[in-house]
């Protein structure tokens, strides 16, 4: 006799998918091997989820192989351009920094990175940030503050299109059909009004952090280049990561429809603070389903986008920038946790009032 939930999938399928979710959340935090081979682990988990939920087909397999191509191609092209022409890019930036006071220069830099992160890879945005800060004579404390504010801005801005990071792709893919019919500009139309004010505030905070910087900035142009092998490896990792998230999104959708999405947007807004240790695209794959209401969707997406930078390991831009600049986890948390709490409270109050 088959035991079924009210929403459709059998009880045993939900239990198995629940075990997959537990493994998805636990192993990246407890296993060094999983942490070092996250793309492979996520591919295995995604394949298991699709198998349990019965989602395999020839068309789906082709879709999974084709799904990450655009993102991987953009990462490859931008990485090659940046690697070969960085000296010219920095010459323009040097002129920009010398013409304006540091507080204005860094405020505009953070705002530009936040806005442009919706069109390029968040990895590239973080690399630009780190390279600029490495050739500017700021105090270490100011460097930490500007880096944290910029990574918040990059992560928030990236949600405005499906180009910059997997979370946008997951959301667009989940809502491509009825009733949202999400297209390329869906995220921009629905969330620009929520994201852009935060980008301005983060830019102002970055400028304030640079207020005591000297007027004469000592800068130099780095001559070393990344190997093409390294660029190709990163592109391949991005391809695998996006493909894995597509598998996870599809495989866990039956579980999400019958459990987590019933919690409501306000509860999930705070629950999504777990994105400080778990990739926000993975959480989006669990939470975002076509039946979600517009109000709950706004709570979920803002929560997923806003909290990931509270710890170094929360987002890819954090990891890239902190490693490049030698920022320790405790130094990061001292600045990022209060910033995240302010964003959390401010966003929740605004959402409650305006929705």
C-alpha atoms as a PDB file:
ATOM      1  CA  UNK A   1       0.000   0.000   0.000  1.00  0.00           C
ATOM      2  CA  UNK A   2       1.493   3.362  -1.020  1.00  0.00           C
ATOM      3  CA  UNK A   3       1.659   6.053   1.628  1.00  0.00           C
ATOM      4  CA  UNK A   4       1.252   9.535   0.166  1.00  0.00           C
ATOM      5  CA  UNK A   5       1.431  13.086   1.436  1.00  0.00           C
ATOM      6  CA  UNK A   6      -1.333  15.511   0.728  1.00  0.00           C
ATOM      7  CA  UNK A   7       0.797  17.237  -1.930  1.00  0.00           C
ATOM      8  CA  UNK A   8       1.453  14.166  -4.024  1.00  0.00           C
ATOM      9  CA  UNK A   9       4.862  12.491  -3.641  1.00  0.00           C
ATOM     10  CA  UNK A  10       4.986   9.345  -1.519  1.00  0.00           C
ATOM     11  CA  UNK A  11       6.082   9.487   2.110  1.00  0.00           C
ATOM     12  CA  UNK A  12       9.118   7.350   1.327  1.00  0.00           C
ATOM     13  CA  UNK A  13      10.218   9.672  -1.463  1.00  0.00           C
ATOM     14  CA  UNK A  14       9.946  12.636   0.899  1.00  0.00           C
ATOM     15  CA  UNK A  15      11.955  10.784   3.551  1.00  0.00           C
ATOM     16  CA  UNK A  16      14.700   9.915   1.065  1.00  0.00           C
ATOM     17  CA  UNK A  17      14.803  13.455  -0.263  1.00  0.00           C
ATOM     18  CA  UNK A  18      14.959  14.689   3.325  1.00  0.00           C
ATOM     19  CA  UNK A  19      18.026  12.506   3.912  1.00  0.00           C
ATOM     20  CA  UNK A  20      19.592  13.968   0.766  1.00  0.00           C
ATOM     21  CA  UNK A  21      18.972  17.494   2.088  1.00  0.00           C
ATOM     22  CA  UNK A  22      20.625  16.587   5.407  1.00  0.00           C
ATOM     23  CA  UNK A  23      23.676  15.270   3.579  1.00  0.00           C
ATOM     24  CA  UNK A  24      23.677  18.367   1.386  1.00  0.00           C
ATOM     25  CA  UNK A  25      23.781  20.627   4.437  1.00  0.00           C
ATOM     26  CA  UNK A  26      26.081  18.597   6.699  1.00  0.00           C
ATOM     27  CA  UNK A  27      28.914  17.215   4.585  1.00  0.00           C
ATOM     28  CA  UNK A  28      30.207  20.552   3.199  1.00  0.00           C
ATOM     29  CA  UNK A  29      30.632  21.695   6.818  1.00  0.00           C
ATOM     30  CA  UNK A  30      32.232  18.561   8.224  1.00  0.00           C
ATOM     31  CA  UNK A  31      34.347  17.024   5.454  1.00  0.00           C
ATOM     32  CA  UNK A  32      37.546  18.583   4.120  1.00  0.00           C
ATOM     33  CA  UNK A  33      37.300  16.429   1.010  1.00  0.00           C
ATOM     34  CA  UNK A  34      33.783  17.679   0.247  1.00  0.00           C
ATOM     35  CA  UNK A  35      34.864  21.261   0.893  1.00  0.00           C
ATOM     36  CA  UNK A  36      37.714  20.836  -1.609  1.00  0.00           C
ATOM     37  CA  UNK A  37      35.591  19.016  -4.222  1.00  0.00           C
ATOM     38  CA  UNK A  38      32.242  20.732  -3.736  1.00  0.00           C
ATOM     39  CA  UNK A  39      31.244  20.611  -7.405  1.00  0.00           C
ATOM     40  CA  UNK A  40      31.669  16.816  -7.550  1.00  0.00           C
ATOM     41  CA  UNK A  41      29.764  16.364  -4.301  1.00  0.00           C
ATOM     42  CA  UNK A  42      26.873  18.546  -5.501  1.00  0.00           C
ATOM     43  CA  UNK A  43      26.702  16.668  -8.799  1.00  0.00           C
ATOM     44  CA  UNK A  44      26.367  13.390  -6.891  1.00  0.00           C
ATOM     45  CA  UNK A  45      23.725  14.791  -4.548  1.00  0.00           C
ATOM     46  CA  UNK A  46      21.795  16.308  -7.458  1.00  0.00           C
ATOM     47  CA  UNK A  47      21.879  13.050  -9.415  1.00  0.00           C
ATOM     48  CA  UNK A  48      20.631  11.167  -6.351  1.00  0.00           C
ATOM     49  CA  UNK A  49      17.794  13.658  -5.853  1.00  0.00           C
ATOM     50  CA  UNK A  50      16.674  13.415  -9.486  1.00  0.00           C
ATOM     51  CA  UNK A  51      16.830   9.601  -9.269  1.00  0.00           C
ATOM     52  CA  UNK A  52      14.700   9.485  -6.117  1.00  0.00           C
ATOM     53  CA  UNK A  53      12.116  11.900  -7.500  1.00  0.00           C
ATOM     54  CA  UNK A  54      12.019  10.088 -10.876  1.00  0.00           C
ATOM     55  CA  UNK A  55      13.025  13.058 -13.014  1.00  0.00           C
ATOM     56  CA  UNK A  56      15.464  11.459 -15.457  1.00  0.00           C
ATOM     57  CA  UNK A  57      14.789  11.587 -19.195  1.00  0.00           C
ATOM     58  CA  UNK A  58      16.805  12.138 -22.364  1.00  0.00           C
ATOM     59  CA  UNK A  59      15.452  15.680 -22.695  1.00  0.00           C
ATOM     60  CA  UNK A  60      16.259  16.480 -19.084  1.00  0.00           C
ATOM     61  CA  UNK A  61      19.811  15.147 -19.453  1.00  0.00           C
ATOM     62  CA  UNK A  62      20.352  17.318 -22.541  1.00  0.00           C
ATOM     63  CA  UNK A  63      18.913  20.324 -20.697  1.00  0.00           C
ATOM     64  CA  UNK A  64      21.268  19.717 -17.772  1.00  0.00           C
ATOM     65  CA  UNK A  65      24.308  19.555 -20.073  1.00  0.00           C
ATOM     66  CA  UNK A  66      23.264  22.683 -21.968  1.00  0.00           C
ATOM     67  CA  UNK A  67      22.054  24.700 -18.979  1.00  0.00           C
ATOM     68  CA  UNK A  68      25.465  25.949 -17.675  1.00  0.00           C
ATOM     69  CA  UNK A  69      27.022  26.747 -21.069  1.00  0.00           C
ATOM     70  CA  UNK A  70      26.190  30.463 -21.159  1.00  0.00           C
ATOM     71  CA  UNK A  71      27.470  31.163 -17.661  1.00  0.00           C
ATOM     72  CA  UNK A  72      30.670  29.160 -18.167  1.00  0.00           C
ATOM     73  CA  UNK A  73      31.323  30.925 -21.483  1.00  0.00           C
ATOM     74  CA  UNK A  74      30.932  34.359 -19.875  1.00  0.00           C
ATOM     75  CA  UNK A  75      33.318  33.395 -17.072  1.00  0.00           C
ATOM     76  CA  UNK A  76      35.887  32.182 -19.608  1.00  0.00           C
ATOM     77  CA  UNK A  77      35.717  35.267 -21.838  1.00  0.00           C
ATOM     78  CA  UNK A  78      35.815  37.811 -18.993  1.00  0.00           C
ATOM     79  CA  UNK A  79      38.649  35.965 -17.245  1.00  0.00           C
ATOM     80  CA  UNK A  80      40.763  35.928 -20.408  1.00  0.00           C
ATOM     81  CA  UNK A  81      40.111  39.624 -21.075  1.00  0.00           C
ATOM     82  CA  UNK A  82      40.942  40.578 -17.509  1.00  0.00           C
ATOM     83  CA  UNK A  83      44.055  38.409 -17.492  1.00  0.00           C
ATOM     84  CA  UNK A  84      45.477  39.904 -20.682  1.00  0.00           C
ATOM     85  CA  UNK A  85      44.422  43.527 -20.366  1.00  0.00           C
ATOM     86  CA  UNK A  86      44.498  44.170 -16.612  1.00  0.00           C
ATOM     87  CA  UNK A  87      47.392  46.645 -16.938  1.00  0.00           C
ATOM     88  CA  UNK A  88      45.278  48.878 -19.180  1.00  0.00           C
ATOM     89  CA  UNK A  89      42.255  48.552 -16.903  1.00  0.00           C
ATOM     90  CA  UNK A  90      44.313  49.598 -13.883  1.00  0.00           C
ATOM     91  CA  UNK A  91      45.818  52.573 -15.707  1.00  0.00           C
ATOM     92  CA  UNK A  92      42.280  53.904 -16.162  1.00  0.00           C
ATOM     93  CA  UNK A  93      41.483  53.179 -12.520  1.00  0.00           C
ATOM     94  CA  UNK A  94      44.648  54.939 -11.376  1.00  0.00           C
ATOM     95  CA  UNK A  95      43.588  58.122 -13.154  1.00  0.00           C
ATOM     96  CA  UNK A  96      40.151  57.776 -11.596  1.00  0.00           C
ATOM     97  CA  UNK A  97      41.572  57.363  -8.080  1.00  0.00           C
ATOM     98  CA  UNK A  98      43.985  60.279  -8.429  1.00  0.00           C
ATOM     99  CA  UNK A  99      41.300  62.722  -9.581  1.00  0.00           C
ATOM    100  CA  UNK A 100      38.902  62.084  -6.668  1.00  0.00           C
ATOM    101  CA  UNK A 101      39.295  61.958  -2.915  1.00  0.00           C
ATOM    102  CA  UNK A 102      39.612  58.361  -1.620  1.00  0.00           C
ATOM    103  CA  UNK A 103      36.199  58.419   0.060  1.00  0.00           C
ATOM    104  CA  UNK A 104      34.503  59.284  -3.225  1.00  0.00           C
ATOM    105  CA  UNK A 105      36.682  56.910  -5.245  1.00  0.00           C
ATOM    106  CA  UNK A 106      35.912  53.905  -3.086  1.00  0.00           C
ATOM    107  CA  UNK A 107      32.220  54.754  -2.759  1.00  0.00           C
ATOM    108  CA  UNK A 108      31.916  54.889  -6.559  1.00  0.00           C
ATOM    109  CA  UNK A 109      34.008  51.715  -6.926  1.00  0.00           C
ATOM    110  CA  UNK A 110      31.747  49.730  -4.587  1.00  0.00           C
ATOM    111  CA  UNK A 111      28.604  51.077  -6.267  1.00  0.00           C
ATOM    112  CA  UNK A 112      30.005  50.228  -9.712  1.00  0.00           C
ATOM    113  CA  UNK A 113      30.966  46.704  -8.620  1.00  0.00           C
ATOM    114  CA  UNK A 114      27.521  46.160  -7.106  1.00  0.00           C
ATOM    115  CA  UNK A 115      25.704  47.270 -10.248  1.00  0.00           C
ATOM    116  CA  UNK A 116      28.056  45.582 -12.728  1.00  0.00           C
ATOM    117  CA  UNK A 117      28.054  42.290 -10.796  1.00  0.00           C
ATOM    118  CA  UNK A 118      24.655  41.604 -12.338  1.00  0.00           C
ATOM    119  CA  UNK A 119      26.302  41.465 -15.768  1.00  0.00           C
ATOM    120  CA  UNK A 120      29.612  39.708 -15.069  1.00  0.00           C
ATOM    121  CA  UNK A 121      30.770  36.864 -12.880  1.00  0.00           C
ATOM    122  CA  UNK A 122      30.852  37.627  -9.161  1.00  0.00           C
ATOM    123  CA  UNK A 123      34.286  36.021  -9.183  1.00  0.00           C
ATOM    124  CA  UNK A 124      35.573  38.616 -11.640  1.00  0.00           C
ATOM    125  CA  UNK A 125      34.005  41.438  -9.603  1.00  0.00           C
ATOM    126  CA  UNK A 126      35.723  40.168  -6.470  1.00  0.00           C
ATOM    127  CA  UNK A 127      39.034  39.835  -8.310  1.00  0.00           C
ATOM    128  CA  UNK A 128      38.812  43.435  -9.557  1.00  0.00           C
ATOM    129  CA  UNK A 129      38.073  44.604  -6.022  1.00  0.00           C
ATOM    130  CA  UNK A 130      40.980  42.657  -4.542  1.00  0.00           C
ATOM    131  CA  UNK A 131      43.456  43.764  -7.205  1.00  0.00           C
ATOM    132  CA  UNK A 132      42.528  47.428  -6.741  1.00  0.00           C
ATOM    133  CA  UNK A 133      42.840  47.222  -2.950  1.00  0.00           C
ATOM    134  CA  UNK A 134      46.191  45.454  -3.237  1.00  0.00           C
ATOM    135  CA  UNK A 135      47.717  48.375  -5.126  1.00  0.00           C
ATOM    136  CA  UNK A 136      46.271  51.161  -2.950  1.00  0.00           C
ATOM    137  CA  UNK A 137      47.957  52.240   0.289  1.00  0.00           C
ATOM    138  CA  UNK A 138      45.058  51.895   2.695  1.00  0.00           C
ATOM    139  CA  UNK A 139      45.259  50.837   6.326  1.00  0.00           C
ATOM    140  CA  UNK A 140      44.394  47.185   6.854  1.00  0.00           C
ATOM    141  CA  UNK A 141      41.268  48.009   8.887  1.00  0.00           C
ATOM    142  CA  UNK A 142      39.929  50.231   6.120  1.00  0.00           C
ATOM    143  CA  UNK A 143      40.748  47.525   3.568  1.00  0.00           C
ATOM    144  CA  UNK A 144      38.730  44.976   5.565  1.00  0.00           C
ATOM    145  CA  UNK A 145      35.738  47.298   5.863  1.00  0.00           C
ATOM    146  CA  UNK A 146      35.714  48.249   2.179  1.00  0.00           C
ATOM    147  CA  UNK A 147      36.108  44.602   1.159  1.00  0.00           C
ATOM    148  CA  UNK A 148      33.175  43.483   3.304  1.00  0.00           C
ATOM    149  CA  UNK A 149      30.895  46.270   2.085  1.00  0.00           C
ATOM    150  CA  UNK A 150      31.888  45.606  -1.515  1.00  0.00           C
ATOM    151  CA  UNK A 151      31.245  41.856  -1.237  1.00  0.00           C
ATOM    152  CA  UNK A 152      27.787  42.559   0.193  1.00  0.00           C
ATOM    153  CA  UNK A 153      27.162  44.884  -2.757  1.00  0.00           C
ATOM    154  CA  UNK A 154      28.451  42.333  -5.273  1.00  0.00           C
ATOM    155  CA  UNK A 155      26.254  39.570  -3.837  1.00  0.00           C
ATOM    156  CA  UNK A 156      23.167  41.790  -3.747  1.00  0.00           C
ATOM    157  CA  UNK A 157      23.711  43.210  -7.223  1.00  0.00           C
ATOM    158  CA  UNK A 158      24.309  39.774  -8.722  1.00  0.00           C
ATOM    159  CA  UNK A 159      20.722  38.732  -7.999  1.00  0.00           C
ATOM    160  CA  UNK A 160      19.371  41.177 -10.596  1.00  0.00           C
ATOM    161  CA  UNK A 161      20.130  38.926 -13.591  1.00  0.00           C
ATOM    162  CA  UNK A 162      20.664  35.190 -14.162  1.00  0.00           C
ATOM    163  CA  UNK A 163      24.180  35.864 -15.515  1.00  0.00           C
ATOM    164  CA  UNK A 164      26.308  36.576 -12.476  1.00  0.00           C
ATOM    165  CA  UNK A 165      25.811  33.655 -10.127  1.00  0.00           C
ATOM    166  CA  UNK A 166      23.920  30.345  -9.956  1.00  0.00           C
ATOM    167  CA  UNK A 167      21.200  31.641  -7.617  1.00  0.00           C
ATOM    168  CA  UNK A 168      19.746  33.879 -10.314  1.00  0.00           C
ATOM    169  CA  UNK A 169      19.802  30.975 -12.759  1.00  0.00           C
ATOM    170  CA  UNK A 170      18.074  28.686 -10.266  1.00  0.00           C
ATOM    171  CA  UNK A 171      15.308  31.224  -9.636  1.00  0.00           C
ATOM    172  CA  UNK A 172      14.766  31.973 -13.325  1.00  0.00           C
ATOM    173  CA  UNK A 173      14.698  28.280 -14.183  1.00  0.00           C
ATOM    174  CA  UNK A 174      12.229  27.467 -11.407  1.00  0.00           C
ATOM    175  CA  UNK A 175       9.870  30.287 -12.438  1.00  0.00           C
ATOM    176  CA  UNK A 176      10.187  29.995 -16.229  1.00  0.00           C
ATOM    177  CA  UNK A 177       6.740  28.449 -16.611  1.00  0.00           C
ATOM    178  CA  UNK A 178       3.291  29.265 -15.239  1.00  0.00           C
ATOM    179  CA  UNK A 179       2.425  31.638 -13.629  1.00  0.00           C
ATOM    180  CA  UNK A 180       5.566  33.858 -13.668  1.00  0.00           C
ATOM    181  CA  UNK A 181       7.005  33.165 -17.140  1.00  0.00           C
ATOM    182  CA  UNK A 182      10.354  34.501 -15.911  1.00  0.00           C
ATOM    183  CA  UNK A 183      12.538  35.928 -18.679  1.00  0.00           C
ATOM    184  CA  UNK A 184      16.026  37.456 -18.574  1.00  0.00           C
ATOM    185  CA  UNK A 185      14.758  40.721 -17.036  1.00  0.00           C
ATOM    186  CA  UNK A 186      12.396  39.119 -14.501  1.00  0.00           C
ATOM    187  CA  UNK A 187      14.757  39.558 -11.529  1.00  0.00           C
ATOM    188  CA  UNK A 188      15.653  43.117 -12.504  1.00  0.00           C
ATOM    189  CA  UNK A 189      12.002  44.139 -12.769  1.00  0.00           C
ATOM    190  CA  UNK A 190      10.992  42.614  -9.450  1.00  0.00           C
ATOM    191  CA  UNK A 191      14.009  43.309  -7.221  1.00  0.00           C
ATOM    192  CA  UNK A 192      15.870  46.392  -8.481  1.00  0.00           C
ATOM    193  CA  UNK A 193      13.803  48.616  -6.193  1.00  0.00           C
ATOM    194  CA  UNK A 194      14.864  46.532  -3.187  1.00  0.00           C
ATOM    195  CA  UNK A 195      18.521  46.047  -4.138  1.00  0.00           C
ATOM    196  CA  UNK A 196      19.634  49.457  -5.430  1.00  0.00           C
ATOM    197  CA  UNK A 197      19.023  51.417  -2.172  1.00  0.00           C
ATOM    198  CA  UNK A 198      21.141  48.889  -0.281  1.00  0.00           C
ATOM    199  CA  UNK A 199      23.926  49.240  -2.881  1.00  0.00           C
ATOM    200  CA  UNK A 200      23.950  53.012  -2.339  1.00  0.00           C
ATOM    201  CA  UNK A 201      24.128  52.607   1.454  1.00  0.00           C
ATOM    202  CA  UNK A 202      26.963  50.068   1.190  1.00  0.00           C
ATOM    203  CA  UNK A 203      28.840  52.402  -1.170  1.00  0.00           C
ATOM    204  CA  UNK A 204      28.470  55.263   1.316  1.00  0.00           C
ATOM    205  CA  UNK A 205      29.733  52.998   4.111  1.00  0.00           C
ATOM    206  CA  UNK A 206      32.779  52.089   1.995  1.00  0.00           C
ATOM    207  CA  UNK A 207      33.480  55.753   1.313  1.00  0.00           C
ATOM    208  CA  UNK A 208      33.212  56.548   5.005  1.00  0.00           C
ATOM    209  CA  UNK A 209      35.721  53.782   5.770  1.00  0.00           C
ATOM    210  CA  UNK A 210      38.230  55.456   3.422  1.00  0.00           C
ATOM    211  CA  UNK A 211      37.731  58.935   4.841  1.00  0.00           C
ATOM    212  CA  UNK A 212      41.131  58.990   6.576  1.00  0.00           C
ATOM    213  CA  UNK A 213      43.122  57.727   3.583  1.00  0.00           C
ATOM    214  CA  UNK A 214      45.875  60.006   2.347  1.00  0.00           C
ATOM    215  CA  UNK A 215      45.335  62.083  -0.757  1.00  0.00           C
ATOM    216  CA  UNK A 216      48.408  60.692  -2.477  1.00  0.00           C
ATOM    217  CA  UNK A 217      47.709  57.058  -3.307  1.00  0.00           C
ATOM    218  CA  UNK A 218      50.759  54.962  -4.152  1.00  0.00           C
ATOM    219  CA  UNK A 219      49.856  52.483  -6.877  1.00  0.00           C
ATOM    220  CA  UNK A 220      51.703  50.109  -9.145  1.00  0.00           C
ATOM    221  CA  UNK A 221      50.796  47.841 -12.060  1.00  0.00           C
ATOM    222  CA  UNK A 222      51.217  44.127 -11.531  1.00  0.00           C
ATOM    223  CA  UNK A 223      52.884  42.222 -14.344  1.00  0.00           C
ATOM    224  CA  UNK A 224      52.122  38.608 -13.338  1.00  0.00           C
ATOM    225  CA  UNK A 225      49.377  36.729 -15.195  1.00  0.00           C
ATOM    226  CA  UNK A 226      47.166  33.763 -14.443  1.00  0.00           C
ATOM    227  CA  UNK A 227      47.851  30.697 -16.589  1.00  0.00           C
ATOM    228  CA  UNK A 228      45.293  29.647 -19.183  1.00  0.00           C
ATOM    229  CA  UNK A 229      45.145  26.269 -17.485  1.00  0.00           C
ATOM    230  CA  UNK A 230      43.953  27.950 -14.297  1.00  0.00           C
ATOM    231  CA  UNK A 231      41.339  29.952 -16.227  1.00  0.00           C
ATOM    232  CA  UNK A 232      40.033  26.786 -17.919  1.00  0.00           C
ATOM    233  CA  UNK A 233      39.893  24.904 -14.603  1.00  0.00           C
ATOM    234  CA  UNK A 234      37.832  27.674 -13.040  1.00  0.00           C
ATOM    235  CA  UNK A 235      35.493  27.685 -16.050  1.00  0.00           C
ATOM    236  CA  UNK A 236      35.040  23.902 -15.805  1.00  0.00           C
ATOM    237  CA  UNK A 237      34.320  24.158 -12.061  1.00  0.00           C
ATOM    238  CA  UNK A 238      31.676  26.807 -12.737  1.00  0.00           C
ATOM    239  CA  UNK A 239      30.101  24.586 -15.408  1.00  0.00           C
ATOM    240  CA  UNK A 240      29.903  21.624 -12.996  1.00  0.00           C
ATOM    241  CA  UNK A 241      28.588  23.795 -10.169  1.00  0.00           C
ATOM    242  CA  UNK A 242      25.740  25.252 -12.256  1.00  0.00           C
ATOM    243  CA  UNK A 243      24.838  21.822 -13.684  1.00  0.00           C
ATOM    244  CA  UNK A 244      24.756  20.398 -10.145  1.00  0.00           C
ATOM    245  CA  UNK A 245      22.450  23.137  -8.917  1.00  0.00           C
ATOM    246  CA  UNK A 246      20.102  22.457 -11.826  1.00  0.00           C
ATOM    247  CA  UNK A 247      19.951  18.802 -10.774  1.00  0.00           C
ATOM    248  CA  UNK A 248      19.354  19.749  -7.146  1.00  0.00           C
ATOM    249  CA  UNK A 249      16.633  22.238  -8.054  1.00  0.00           C
ATOM    250  CA  UNK A 250      14.754  19.644 -10.092  1.00  0.00           C
ATOM    251  CA  UNK A 251      15.299  16.712  -7.743  1.00  0.00           C
ATOM    252  CA  UNK A 252      14.268  18.491  -4.543  1.00  0.00           C
ATOM    253  CA  UNK A 253      11.311  20.362  -5.966  1.00  0.00           C
ATOM    254  CA  UNK A 254       8.728  17.729  -4.853  1.00  0.00           C
ATOM    255  CA  UNK A 255      10.021  17.931  -1.280  1.00  0.00           C
ATOM    256  CA  UNK A 256      10.001  21.720  -1.303  1.00  0.00           C
ATOM    257  CA  UNK A 257       6.453  21.857  -2.639  1.00  0.00           C
ATOM    258  CA  UNK A 258       5.168  19.671   0.193  1.00  0.00           C
ATOM    259  CA  UNK A 259       7.216  21.032   3.111  1.00  0.00           C
ATOM    260  CA  UNK A 260       9.447  24.081   3.243  1.00  0.00           C
ATOM    261  CA  UNK A 261       7.489  26.446   1.011  1.00  0.00           C
ATOM    262  CA  UNK A 262       4.504  26.129   3.349  1.00  0.00           C
ATOM    263  CA  UNK A 263       6.419  27.980   6.081  1.00  0.00           C
ATOM    264  CA  UNK A 264       5.741  31.370   4.536  1.00  0.00           C
ATOM    265  CA  UNK A 265       8.040  34.146   3.414  1.00  0.00           C
ATOM    266  CA  UNK A 266       8.537  35.903   6.749  1.00  0.00           C
ATOM    267  CA  UNK A 267       9.720  32.734   8.488  1.00  0.00           C
ATOM    268  CA  UNK A 268      11.997  31.797   5.617  1.00  0.00           C
ATOM    269  CA  UNK A 269      13.407  35.325   5.504  1.00  0.00           C
ATOM    270  CA  UNK A 270      15.095  34.727   8.857  1.00  0.00           C
ATOM    271  CA  UNK A 271      15.697  31.034   8.203  1.00  0.00           C
ATOM    272  CA  UNK A 272      17.721  32.027   5.145  1.00  0.00           C
ATOM    273  CA  UNK A 273      20.377  33.455   7.431  1.00  0.00           C
ATOM    274  CA  UNK A 274      21.771  29.912   7.167  1.00  0.00           C
ATOM    275  CA  UNK A 275      23.177  31.086   3.817  1.00  0.00           C
ATOM    276  CA  UNK A 276      26.167  32.345   5.829  1.00  0.00           C
ATOM    277  CA  UNK A 277      27.411  28.748   5.784  1.00  0.00           C
ATOM    278  CA  UNK A 278      25.414  27.159   2.939  1.00  0.00           C
ATOM    279  CA  UNK A 279      25.464  28.348  -0.668  1.00  0.00           C
ATOM    280  CA  UNK A 280      22.408  30.526  -1.307  1.00  0.00           C
ATOM    281  CA  UNK A 281      21.807  28.911  -4.692  1.00  0.00           C
ATOM    282  CA  UNK A 282      21.401  25.561  -2.951  1.00  0.00           C
ATOM    283  CA  UNK A 283      18.794  27.063  -0.636  1.00  0.00           C
ATOM    284  CA  UNK A 284      17.060  28.712  -3.593  1.00  0.00           C
ATOM    285  CA  UNK A 285      16.902  25.314  -5.282  1.00  0.00           C
ATOM    286  CA  UNK A 286      14.998  23.992  -2.268  1.00  0.00           C
ATOM    287  CA  UNK A 287      12.695  26.961  -1.657  1.00  0.00           C
ATOM    288  CA  UNK A 288      11.761  28.524  -4.990  1.00  0.00           C
ATOM    289  CA  UNK A 289       8.904  26.716  -6.737  1.00  0.00           C
ATOM    290  CA  UNK A 290       6.357  27.916  -9.344  1.00  0.00           C
ATOM    291  CA  UNK A 291       3.521  27.898  -6.792  1.00  0.00           C
ATOM    292  CA  UNK A 292       5.200  30.469  -4.526  1.00  0.00           C
ATOM    293  CA  UNK A 293       3.311  33.738  -4.025  1.00  0.00           C
ATOM    294  CA  UNK A 294       4.890  37.042  -5.131  1.00  0.00           C
ATOM    295  CA  UNK A 295       5.104  38.242  -1.513  1.00  0.00           C
ATOM    296  CA  UNK A 296       6.816  35.090  -0.255  1.00  0.00           C
ATOM    297  CA  UNK A 297       9.111  35.163  -3.277  1.00  0.00           C
ATOM    298  CA  UNK A 298      10.284  38.666  -2.343  1.00  0.00           C
ATOM    299  CA  UNK A 299      10.930  37.677   1.282  1.00  0.00           C
ATOM    300  CA  UNK A 300      12.862  34.586   0.204  1.00  0.00           C
ATOM    301  CA  UNK A 301      15.007  36.200  -2.487  1.00  0.00           C
ATOM    302  CA  UNK A 302      15.943  39.235  -0.383  1.00  0.00           C
ATOM    303  CA  UNK A 303      16.811  36.947   2.528  1.00  0.00           C
ATOM    304  CA  UNK A 304      18.952  34.719   0.327  1.00  0.00           C
ATOM    305  CA  UNK A 305      20.755  37.661  -1.272  1.00  0.00           C
ATOM    306  CA  UNK A 306      21.388  39.713   1.854  1.00  0.00           C
ATOM    307  CA  UNK A 307      22.871  37.354   4.425  1.00  0.00           C
ATOM    308  CA  UNK A 308      25.561  35.340   2.640  1.00  0.00           C
ATOM    309  CA  UNK A 309      28.429  37.758   3.308  1.00  0.00           C
ATOM    310  CA  UNK A 310      28.264  37.578   7.101  1.00  0.00           C
ATOM    311  CA  UNK A 311      31.055  34.981   7.142  1.00  0.00           C
ATOM    312  CA  UNK A 312      33.953  34.460   4.741  1.00  0.00           C
ATOM    313  CA  UNK A 313      32.672  31.054   3.628  1.00  0.00           C
ATOM    314  CA  UNK A 314      29.177  32.348   2.922  1.00  0.00           C
ATOM    315  CA  UNK A 315      29.730  33.518  -0.660  1.00  0.00           C
ATOM    316  CA  UNK A 316      32.231  33.017  -3.445  1.00  0.00           C
ATOM    317  CA  UNK A 317      33.165  36.738  -3.653  1.00  0.00           C
ATOM    318  CA  UNK A 318      34.045  36.686   0.058  1.00  0.00           C
ATOM    319  CA  UNK A 319      36.388  33.734  -0.364  1.00  0.00           C
ATOM    320  CA  UNK A 320      38.129  35.199  -3.413  1.00  0.00           C
ATOM    321  CA  UNK A 321      38.636  38.662  -1.915  1.00  0.00           C
ATOM    322  CA  UNK A 322      39.628  37.475   1.576  1.00  0.00           C
ATOM    323  CA  UNK A 323      42.207  35.075   0.177  1.00  0.00           C
ATOM    324  CA  UNK A 324      43.695  37.685  -2.151  1.00  0.00           C
ATOM    325  CA  UNK A 325      43.912  40.321   0.594  1.00  0.00           C
ATOM    326  CA  UNK A 326      44.873  38.099   3.540  1.00  0.00           C
ATOM    327  CA  UNK A 327      41.764  38.887   5.598  1.00  0.00           C
ATOM    328  CA  UNK A 328      41.232  36.474   8.496  1.00  0.00           C
ATOM    329  CA  UNK A 329      37.815  35.026   9.326  1.00  0.00           C
ATOM    330  CA  UNK A 330      37.573  36.858  12.666  1.00  0.00           C
ATOM    331  CA  UNK A 331      38.482  40.199  11.042  1.00  0.00           C
ATOM    332  CA  UNK A 332      35.797  39.600   8.446  1.00  0.00           C
ATOM    333  CA  UNK A 333      33.109  38.669  10.984  1.00  0.00           C
ATOM    334  CA  UNK A 334      33.783  41.742  13.177  1.00  0.00           C
ATOM    335  CA  UNK A 335      32.671  43.970  10.296  1.00  0.00           C
ATOM    336  CA  UNK A 336      30.341  41.673   8.354  1.00  0.00           C
ATOM    337  CA  UNK A 337      28.095  40.329  11.132  1.00  0.00           C
ATOM    338  CA  UNK A 338      26.914  43.771  12.349  1.00  0.00           C
ATOM    339  CA  UNK A 339      26.474  44.842   8.719  1.00  0.00           C
ATOM    340  CA  UNK A 340      24.380  41.753   8.000  1.00  0.00           C
ATOM    341  CA  UNK A 341      22.236  42.295  11.092  1.00  0.00           C
ATOM    342  CA  UNK A 342      21.561  45.902  10.071  1.00  0.00           C
ATOM    343  CA  UNK A 343      20.575  44.744   6.581  1.00  0.00           C
ATOM    344  CA  UNK A 344      18.399  41.989   8.050  1.00  0.00           C
ATOM    345  CA  UNK A 345      16.457  44.294  10.362  1.00  0.00           C
ATOM    346  CA  UNK A 346      16.200  47.105   7.822  1.00  0.00           C
ATOM    347  CA  UNK A 347      14.987  44.840   5.040  1.00  0.00           C
ATOM    348  CA  UNK A 348      12.474  43.031   7.261  1.00  0.00           C
ATOM    349  CA  UNK A 349      10.920  46.292   8.447  1.00  0.00           C
ATOM    350  CA  UNK A 350      10.746  47.622   4.886  1.00  0.00           C
ATOM    351  CA  UNK A 351       9.257  44.381   3.581  1.00  0.00           C
ATOM    352  CA  UNK A 352       6.597  44.312   6.309  1.00  0.00           C
ATOM    353  CA  UNK A 353       5.619  47.908   5.585  1.00  0.00           C
ATOM    354  CA  UNK A 354       5.687  47.872   1.790  1.00  0.00           C
ATOM    355  CA  UNK A 355       4.409  44.384   0.907  1.00  0.00           C
END
